[in-house]
PDB file of all heavy atoms in Angstrom:
ATOM      1  N   THR A   1      77.029  99.032  55.848  1.00  0.00           N
ATOM      2  CA  THR A   1      76.616 100.402  55.541  1.00  0.00           C
ATOM      3  C   THR A   1      75.857 100.475  54.226  1.00  0.00           C
ATOM      4  O   THR A   1      74.805 101.118  54.120  1.00  0.00           O
ATOM      5  CB  THR A   1      77.850 101.333  55.487  1.00  0.00           C
ATOM      6  OG1 THR A   1      78.502 101.312  56.754  1.00  0.00           O
ATOM      7  CG2 THR A   1      77.442 102.755  55.144  1.00  0.00           C
ATOM      8  N   VAL A   2      76.371  99.764  53.225  1.00  0.00           N
ATOM      9  CA  VAL A   2      75.728  99.790  51.924  1.00  0.00           C
ATOM     10  C   VAL A   2      74.366  99.105  51.972  1.00  0.00           C
ATOM     11  O   VAL A   2      73.392  99.609  51.393  1.00  0.00           O
ATOM     12  CB  VAL A   2      76.637  99.106  50.876  1.00  0.00           C
ATOM     13  CG1 VAL A   2      75.967  99.080  49.499  1.00  0.00           C
ATOM     14  CG2 VAL A   2      77.963  99.814  50.792  1.00  0.00           C
ATOM     15  N   ASP A   3      74.306  97.958  52.616  1.00  0.00           N
ATOM     16  CA  ASP A   3      73.034  97.250  52.682  1.00  0.00           C
ATOM     17  C   ASP A   3      71.977  98.066  53.414  1.00  0.00           C
ATOM     18  O   ASP A   3      70.783  98.032  53.039  1.00  0.00           O
ATOM     19  CB  ASP A   3      73.236  95.887  53.362  1.00  0.00           C
ATOM     20  CG  ASP A   3      74.056  94.930  52.489  1.00  0.00           C
ATOM     21  OD1 ASP A   3      74.210  95.208  51.289  1.00  0.00           O
ATOM     22  OD2 ASP A   3      74.569  93.926  53.035  1.00  0.00           O
ATOM     23  N   ALA A   4      72.383  98.826  54.415  1.00  0.00           N
ATOM     24  CA  ALA A   4      71.439  99.711  55.087  1.00  0.00           C
ATOM     25  C   ALA A   4      70.976 100.805  54.141  1.00  0.00           C
ATOM     26  O   ALA A   4      69.782 101.182  54.132  1.00  0.00           O
ATOM     27  CB  ALA A   4      72.075 100.316  56.328  1.00  0.00           C
ATOM     28  N   ALA A   5      71.887 101.301  53.305  1.00  0.00           N
ATOM     29  CA  ALA A   5      71.522 102.327  52.325  1.00  0.00           C
ATOM     30  C   ALA A   5      70.577 101.760  51.266  1.00  0.00           C
ATOM     31  O   ALA A   5      69.665 102.469  50.816  1.00  0.00           O
ATOM     32  CB  ALA A   5      72.784 102.898  51.670  1.00  0.00           C
ATOM     33  N   VAL A   6      70.778 100.511  50.881  1.00  0.00           N
ATOM     34  CA  VAL A   6      69.883  99.854  49.923  1.00  0.00           C
ATOM     35  C   VAL A   6      68.479  99.790  50.512  1.00  0.00           C
ATOM     36  O   VAL A   6      67.476 100.102  49.844  1.00  0.00           O
ATOM     37  CB  VAL A   6      70.396  98.477  49.546  1.00  0.00           C
ATOM     38  CG1 VAL A   6      69.334  97.682  48.790  1.00  0.00           C
ATOM     39  CG2 VAL A   6      71.663  98.566  48.715  1.00  0.00           C
ATOM     40  N   GLN A   7      68.381  99.376  51.767  1.00  0.00           N
ATOM     41  CA  GLN A   7      67.077  99.265  52.422  1.00  0.00           C
ATOM     42  C   GLN A   7      66.386 100.623  52.530  1.00  0.00           C
ATOM     43  O   GLN A   7      65.164 100.746  52.297  1.00  0.00           O
ATOM     44  CB  GLN A   7      67.242  98.639  53.791  1.00  0.00           C
ATOM     45  CG  GLN A   7      67.680  97.185  53.767  1.00  0.00           C
ATOM     46  CD  GLN A   7      67.904  96.611  55.151  1.00  0.00           C
ATOM     47  OE1 GLN A   7      67.619  97.251  56.166  1.00  0.00           O
ATOM     48  NE2 GLN A   7      68.456  95.392  55.208  1.00  0.00           N
ATOM     49  N   ALA A   8      67.153 101.653  52.861  1.00  0.00           N
ATOM     50  CA  ALA A   8      66.575 103.005  52.979  1.00  0.00           C
ATOM     51  C   ALA A   8      66.085 103.505  51.627  1.00  0.00           C
ATOM     52  O   ALA A   8      65.012 104.114  51.521  1.00  0.00           O
ATOM     53  CB  ALA A   8      67.603 103.965  53.565  1.00  0.00           C
ATOM     54  N   TYR A   9      66.861 103.231  50.589  1.00  0.00           N
ATOM     55  CA  TYR A   9      66.460 103.673  49.266  1.00  0.00           C
ATOM     56  C   TYR A   9      65.213 102.919  48.802  1.00  0.00           C
ATOM     57  O   TYR A   9      64.284 103.513  48.219  1.00  0.00           O
ATOM     58  CB  TYR A   9      67.589 103.459  48.263  1.00  0.00           C
ATOM     59  CG  TYR A   9      67.236 103.871  46.851  1.00  0.00           C
ATOM     60  CD1 TYR A   9      67.175 105.210  46.482  1.00  0.00           C
ATOM     61  CD2 TYR A   9      66.923 102.908  45.883  1.00  0.00           C
ATOM     62  CE1 TYR A   9      66.839 105.583  45.193  1.00  0.00           C
ATOM     63  CE2 TYR A   9      66.584 103.264  44.595  1.00  0.00           C
ATOM     64  CZ  TYR A   9      66.547 104.609  44.251  1.00  0.00           C
ATOM     65  OH  TYR A   9      66.198 104.986  42.975  1.00  0.00           O
ATOM     66  N   ALA A  10      65.174 101.620  49.068  1.00  0.00           N
ATOM     67  CA  ALA A  10      64.007 100.827  48.667  1.00  0.00           C
ATOM     68  C   ALA A  10      62.763 101.241  49.419  1.00  0.00           C
ATOM     69  O   ALA A  10      61.645 101.220  48.879  1.00  0.00           O
ATOM     70  CB  ALA A  10      64.286  99.345  48.904  1.00  0.00           C
ATOM     71  N   ALA A  11      62.929 101.643  50.692  1.00  0.00           N
ATOM     72  CA  ALA A  11      61.793 101.991  51.524  1.00  0.00           C
ATOM     73  C   ALA A  11      61.205 103.358  51.198  1.00  0.00           C
ATOM     74  O   ALA A  11      59.967 103.530  51.100  1.00  0.00           O
ATOM     75  CB  ALA A  11      62.188 101.921  52.988  1.00  0.00           C
ATOM     76  N   ASN A  12      62.084 104.347  51.033  1.00  0.00           N
ATOM     77  CA  ASN A  12      61.561 105.719  50.873  1.00  0.00           C
ATOM     78  C   ASN A  12      62.323 106.577  49.876  1.00  0.00           C
ATOM     79  O   ASN A  12      62.141 107.781  49.841  1.00  0.00           O
ATOM     80  CB  ASN A  12      61.542 106.418  52.238  1.00  0.00           C
ATOM     81  CG  ASN A  12      62.891 106.350  52.940  1.00  0.00           C
ATOM     82  OD1 ASN A  12      63.925 106.442  52.290  1.00  0.00           O
ATOM     83  ND2 ASN A  12      62.857 106.156  54.258  1.00  0.00           N
ATOM     84  N   GLY A  13      63.172 105.927  49.064  1.00  0.00           N
ATOM     85  CA  GLY A  13      63.881 106.673  48.036  1.00  0.00           C
ATOM     86  C   GLY A  13      65.038 107.500  48.516  1.00  0.00           C
ATOM     87  O   GLY A  13      65.526 108.376  47.779  1.00  0.00           O
ATOM     88  N   THR A  14      65.534 107.265  49.737  1.00  0.00           N
ATOM     89  CA  THR A  14      66.657 108.019  50.270  1.00  0.00           C
ATOM     90  C   THR A  14      67.934 107.673  49.519  1.00  0.00           C
ATOM     91  O   THR A  14      68.376 106.515  49.530  1.00  0.00           O
ATOM     92  CB  THR A  14      66.846 107.742  51.767  1.00  0.00           C
ATOM     93  OG1 THR A  14      65.662 108.079  52.464  1.00  0.00           O
ATOM     94  CG2 THR A  14      68.019 108.540  52.332  1.00  0.00           C
ATOM     95  N   ILE A  15      68.535 108.642  48.900  1.00  0.00           N
ATOM     96  CA  ILE A  15      69.776 108.442  48.138  1.00  0.00           C
ATOM     97  C   ILE A  15      70.959 108.613  49.084  1.00  0.00           C
ATOM     98  O   ILE A  15      71.016 109.619  49.817  1.00  0.00           O
ATOM     99  CB  ILE A  15      69.873 109.407  46.947  1.00  0.00           C
ATOM    100  CG1 ILE A  15      68.695 109.138  45.975  1.00  0.00           C
ATOM    101  CG2 ILE A  15      71.201 109.283  46.237  1.00  0.00           C
ATOM    102  CD1 ILE A  15      68.605 110.097  44.819  1.00  0.00           C
ATOM    103  N   PRO A  16      71.895 107.689  49.113  1.00  0.00           N
ATOM    104  CA  PRO A  16      72.999 107.784  50.099  1.00  0.00           C
ATOM    105  C   PRO A  16      73.839 109.038  49.898  1.00  0.00           C
ATOM    106  O   PRO A  16      74.187 109.417  48.774  1.00  0.00           O
ATOM    107  CB  PRO A  16      73.820 106.516  49.817  1.00  0.00           C
ATOM    108  CG  PRO A  16      73.448 106.100  48.437  1.00  0.00           C
ATOM    109  CD  PRO A  16      72.025 106.507  48.248  1.00  0.00           C
ATOM    110  N   SER A  17      74.200 109.650  51.009  1.00  0.00           N
ATOM    111  CA  SER A  17      74.969 110.893  50.958  1.00  0.00           C
ATOM    112  C   SER A  17      76.474 110.648  50.910  1.00  0.00           C
ATOM    113  O   SER A  17      77.236 111.519  50.534  1.00  0.00           O
ATOM    114  CB  SER A  17      74.624 111.766  52.178  1.00  0.00           C
ATOM    115  OG  SER A  17      74.911 111.070  53.385  1.00  0.00           O
ATOM    116  N   GLY A  18      76.906 109.453  51.306  1.00  0.00           N
ATOM    117  CA  GLY A  18      78.322 109.168  51.363  1.00  0.00           C
ATOM    118  C   GLY A  18      78.906 108.487  50.150  1.00  0.00           C
ATOM    119  O   GLY A  18      79.994 107.906  50.200  1.00  0.00           O
ATOM    120  N   TRP A  19      78.189 108.530  49.037  1.00  0.00           N
ATOM    121  CA  TRP A  19      78.550 107.812  47.828  1.00  0.00           C
ATOM    122  C   TRP A  19      79.999 108.045  47.389  1.00  0.00           C
ATOM    123  O   TRP A  19      80.726 107.087  47.065  1.00  0.00           O
ATOM    124  CB  TRP A  19      77.593 108.189  46.689  1.00  0.00           C
ATOM    125  CG  TRP A  19      77.886 107.592  45.361  1.00  0.00           C
ATOM    126  CD1 TRP A  19      78.634 108.138  44.347  1.00  0.00           C
ATOM    127  CD2 TRP A  19      77.451 106.320  44.863  1.00  0.00           C
ATOM    128  NE1 TRP A  19      78.690 107.311  43.269  1.00  0.00           N
ATOM    129  CE2 TRP A  19      77.969 106.185  43.573  1.00  0.00           C
ATOM    130  CE3 TRP A  19      76.673 105.289  45.423  1.00  0.00           C
ATOM    131  CZ2 TRP A  19      77.708 105.050  42.781  1.00  0.00           C
ATOM    132  CZ3 TRP A  19      76.438 104.174  44.641  1.00  0.00           C
ATOM    133  CH2 TRP A  19      76.935 104.053  43.342  1.00  0.00           C
ATOM    134  N   ASN A  20      80.420 109.273  47.369  1.00  0.00           N
ATOM    135  CA  ASN A  20      81.764 109.570  46.848  1.00  0.00           C
ATOM    136  C   ASN A  20      82.860 109.014  47.743  1.00  0.00           C
ATOM    137  O   ASN A  20      84.023 108.884  47.293  1.00  0.00           O
ATOM    138  CB  ASN A  20      81.932 111.082  46.692  1.00  0.00           C
ATOM    139  CG  ASN A  20      81.080 111.635  45.560  1.00  0.00           C
ATOM    140  OD1 ASN A  20      80.799 110.931  44.578  1.00  0.00           O
ATOM    141  ND2 ASN A  20      80.654 112.882  45.669  1.00  0.00           N
ATOM    142  N   GLY A  21      82.541 108.684  48.966  1.00  0.00           N
ATOM    143  CA  GLY A  21      83.522 108.077  49.848  1.00  0.00           C
ATOM    144  C   GLY A  21      83.513 106.560  49.859  1.00  0.00           C
ATOM    145  O   GLY A  21      84.325 105.928  50.518  1.00  0.00           O
ATOM    146  N   TRP A  22      82.585 106.003  49.110  1.00  0.00           N
ATOM    147  CA  TRP A  22      82.496 104.545  49.037  1.00  0.00           C
ATOM    148  C   TRP A  22      83.547 103.962  48.108  1.00  0.00           C
ATOM    149  O   TRP A  22      84.000 104.615  47.151  1.00  0.00           O
ATOM    150  CB  TRP A  22      81.103 104.130  48.515  1.00  0.00           C
ATOM    151  CG  TRP A  22      80.007 104.278  49.537  1.00  0.00           C
ATOM    152  CD1 TRP A  22      80.128 104.740  50.810  1.00  0.00           C
ATOM    153  CD2 TRP A  22      78.645 103.928  49.327  1.00  0.00           C
ATOM    154  NE1 TRP A  22      78.881 104.714  51.414  1.00  0.00           N
ATOM    155  CE2 TRP A  22      77.968 104.211  50.554  1.00  0.00           C
ATOM    156  CE3 TRP A  22      77.911 103.402  48.272  1.00  0.00           C
ATOM    157  CZ2 TRP A  22      76.606 104.003  50.714  1.00  0.00           C
ATOM    158  CZ3 TRP A  22      76.553 103.173  48.438  1.00  0.00           C
ATOM    159  CH2 TRP A  22      75.899 103.470  49.630  1.00  0.00           C
ATOM    160  N   THR A  23      83.897 102.705  48.370  1.00  0.00           N
ATOM    161  CA  THR A  23      84.768 101.981  47.439  1.00  0.00           C
ATOM    162  C   THR A  23      83.962 101.595  46.199  1.00  0.00           C
ATOM    163  O   THR A  23      82.720 101.630  46.187  1.00  0.00           O
ATOM    164  CB  THR A  23      85.309 100.704  48.093  1.00  0.00           C
ATOM    165  OG1 THR A  23      84.210  99.809  48.350  1.00  0.00           O
ATOM    166  CG2 THR A  23      86.040 101.012  49.387  1.00  0.00           C
ATOM    167  N   ALA A  24      84.672 101.228  45.131  1.00  0.00           N
ATOM    168  CA  ALA A  24      83.993 100.778  43.929  1.00  0.00           C
ATOM    169  C   ALA A  24      83.135  99.547  44.219  1.00  0.00           C
ATOM    170  O   ALA A  24      82.027  99.430  43.688  1.00  0.00           O
ATOM    171  CB  ALA A  24      85.013 100.460  42.824  1.00  0.00           C
ATOM    172  N   ALA A  25      83.625  98.655  45.072  1.00  0.00           N
ATOM    173  CA  ALA A  25      82.831  97.468  45.425  1.00  0.00           C
ATOM    174  C   ALA A  25      81.540  97.869  46.134  1.00  0.00           C
ATOM    175  O   ALA A  25      80.480  97.265  45.889  1.00  0.00           O
ATOM    176  CB  ALA A  25      83.655  96.540  46.320  1.00  0.00           C
ATOM    177  N   GLU A  26      81.603  98.882  46.980  1.00  0.00           N
ATOM    178  CA  GLU A  26      80.405  99.341  47.675  1.00  0.00           C
ATOM    179  C   GLU A  26      79.406  99.982  46.704  1.00  0.00           C
ATOM    180  O   GLU A  26      78.193  99.758  46.800  1.00  0.00           O
ATOM    181  CB  GLU A  26      80.799 100.325  48.784  1.00  0.00           C
ATOM    182  CG  GLU A  26      81.489  99.654  49.946  1.00  0.00           C
ATOM    183  CD  GLU A  26      82.115 100.628  50.930  1.00  0.00           C
ATOM    184  OE1 GLU A  26      82.496 101.747  50.514  1.00  0.00           O
ATOM    185  OE2 GLU A  26      82.238 100.268  52.115  1.00  0.00           O
ATOM    186  N   GLN A  27      79.917 100.749  45.760  1.00  0.00           N
ATOM    187  CA  GLN A  27      79.043 101.355  44.766  1.00  0.00           C
ATOM    188  C   GLN A  27      78.382 100.271  43.907  1.00  0.00           C
ATOM    189  O   GLN A  27      77.189 100.350  43.599  1.00  0.00           O
ATOM    190  CB  GLN A  27      79.831 102.328  43.892  1.00  0.00           C
ATOM    191  CG  GLN A  27      80.325 103.542  44.657  1.00  0.00           C
ATOM    192  CD  GLN A  27      81.116 104.508  43.799  1.00  0.00           C
ATOM    193  OE1 GLN A  27      81.437 104.222  42.627  1.00  0.00           O
ATOM    194  NE2 GLN A  27      81.480 105.650  44.362  1.00  0.00           N
ATOM    195  N   MET A  28      79.142  99.264  43.526  1.00  0.00           N
ATOM    196  CA  MET A  28      78.585  98.179  42.736  1.00  0.00           C
ATOM    197  C   MET A  28      77.552  97.398  43.540  1.00  0.00           C
ATOM    198  O   MET A  28      76.501  97.021  43.005  1.00  0.00           O
ATOM    199  CB  MET A  28      79.723  97.254  42.274  1.00  0.00           C
ATOM    200  CG  MET A  28      80.663  97.905  41.257  1.00  0.00           C
ATOM    201  SD  MET A  28      82.220  97.012  41.037  1.00  0.00           S
ATOM    202  CE  MET A  28      81.614  95.454  40.429  1.00  0.00           C
ATOM    203  N   ARG A  29      77.801  97.170  44.817  1.00  0.00           N
ATOM    204  CA  ARG A  29      76.858  96.455  45.675  1.00  0.00           C
ATOM    205  C   ARG A  29      75.517  97.223  45.710  1.00  0.00           C
ATOM    206  O   ARG A  29      74.453  96.623  45.628  1.00  0.00           O
ATOM    207  CB  ARG A  29      77.436  96.339  47.069  1.00  0.00           C
ATOM    208  CG  ARG A  29      76.472  95.748  48.125  1.00  0.00           C
ATOM    209  CD  ARG A  29      76.405  94.252  48.032  1.00  0.00           C
ATOM    210  NE  ARG A  29      75.775  93.681  49.230  1.00  0.00           N
ATOM    211  CZ  ARG A  29      75.905  92.424  49.624  1.00  0.00           C
ATOM    212  NH1 ARG A  29      76.624  91.581  48.891  1.00  0.00           N
ATOM    213  NH2 ARG A  29      75.308  91.990  50.712  1.00  0.00           N
ATOM    214  N   PHE A  30      75.580  98.531  45.865  1.00  0.00           N
ATOM    215  CA  PHE A  30      74.369  99.332  45.936  1.00  0.00           C
ATOM    216  C   PHE A  30      73.575  99.230  44.640  1.00  0.00           C
ATOM    217  O   PHE A  30      72.371  98.933  44.642  1.00  0.00           O
ATOM    218  CB  PHE A  30      74.739 100.792  46.231  1.00  0.00           C
ATOM    219  CG  PHE A  30      73.547 101.706  46.309  1.00  0.00           C
ATOM    220  CD1 PHE A  30      72.811 101.816  47.474  1.00  0.00           C
ATOM    221  CD2 PHE A  30      73.193 102.485  45.216  1.00  0.00           C
ATOM    222  CE1 PHE A  30      71.721 102.671  47.561  1.00  0.00           C
ATOM    223  CE2 PHE A  30      72.093 103.334  45.283  1.00  0.00           C
ATOM    224  CZ  PHE A  30      71.360 103.436  46.447  1.00  0.00           C
ATOM    225  N   LEU A  31      74.227  99.487  43.507  1.00  0.00           N
ATOM    226  CA  LEU A  31      73.519  99.483  42.227  1.00  0.00           C
ATOM    227  C   LEU A  31      72.956  98.100  41.877  1.00  0.00           C
ATOM    228  O   LEU A  31      71.933  97.995  41.222  1.00  0.00           O
ATOM    229  CB  LEU A  31      74.469  99.942  41.115  1.00  0.00           C
ATOM    230  CG  LEU A  31      74.824 101.425  41.142  1.00  0.00           C
ATOM    231  CD1 LEU A  31      75.862 101.743  40.066  1.00  0.00           C
ATOM    232  CD2 LEU A  31      73.592 102.303  40.955  1.00  0.00           C
ATOM    233  N   ASP A  32      73.629  97.059  42.350  1.00  0.00           N
ATOM    234  CA  ASP A  32      73.205  95.697  42.021  1.00  0.00           C
ATOM    235  C   ASP A  32      72.067  95.215  42.901  1.00  0.00           C
ATOM    236  O   ASP A  32      71.461  94.172  42.609  1.00  0.00           O
ATOM    237  CB  ASP A  32      74.403  94.750  42.149  1.00  0.00           C
ATOM    238  CG  ASP A  32      74.301  93.576  41.191  1.00  0.00           C
ATOM    239  OD1 ASP A  32      73.655  93.715  40.138  1.00  0.00           O
ATOM    240  OD2 ASP A  32      74.875  92.524  41.505  1.00  0.00           O
ATOM    241  N   ASN A  33      71.758  95.965  43.971  1.00  0.00           N
ATOM    242  CA  ASN A  33      70.781  95.466  44.926  1.00  0.00           C
ATOM    243  C   ASN A  33      69.558  96.371  45.120  1.00  0.00           C
ATOM    244  O   ASN A  33      68.586  95.955  45.774  1.00  0.00           O
ATOM    245  CB  ASN A  33      71.443  95.210  46.281  1.00  0.00           C
ATOM    246  CG  ASN A  33      72.278  93.954  46.304  1.00  0.00           C
ATOM    247  OD1 ASN A  33      71.792  92.873  46.536  1.00  0.00           O
ATOM    248  ND2 ASN A  33      73.563  94.102  46.019  1.00  0.00           N
ATOM    249  N   ILE A  34      69.581  97.563  44.602  1.00  0.00           N
ATOM    250  CA  ILE A  34      68.400  98.412  44.710  1.00  0.00           C
ATOM    251  C   ILE A  34      67.291  97.859  43.816  1.00  0.00           C
ATOM    252  O   ILE A  34      67.552  97.056  42.913  1.00  0.00           O
ATOM    253  CB  ILE A  34      68.723  99.878  44.324  1.00  0.00           C
ATOM    254  CG1 ILE A  34      69.229  99.955  42.874  1.00  0.00           C
ATOM    255  CG2 ILE A  34      69.712 100.488  45.303  1.00  0.00           C
ATOM    256  CD1 ILE A  34      69.442 101.368  42.394  1.00  0.00           C
TER     257      ILE A  34
END
C-alpha cells in the first residue's frame, strides 16, 4: 500500500489519504522513498 502511494506521489503529487491509519514503519517507508 505504501509503495503504491510513493509511486502515486512521485507521478502526480497525490498525497496519501490514509496516513493517520498507517503504522510508524509505513510512515517512515513513505518519507524515505518519495
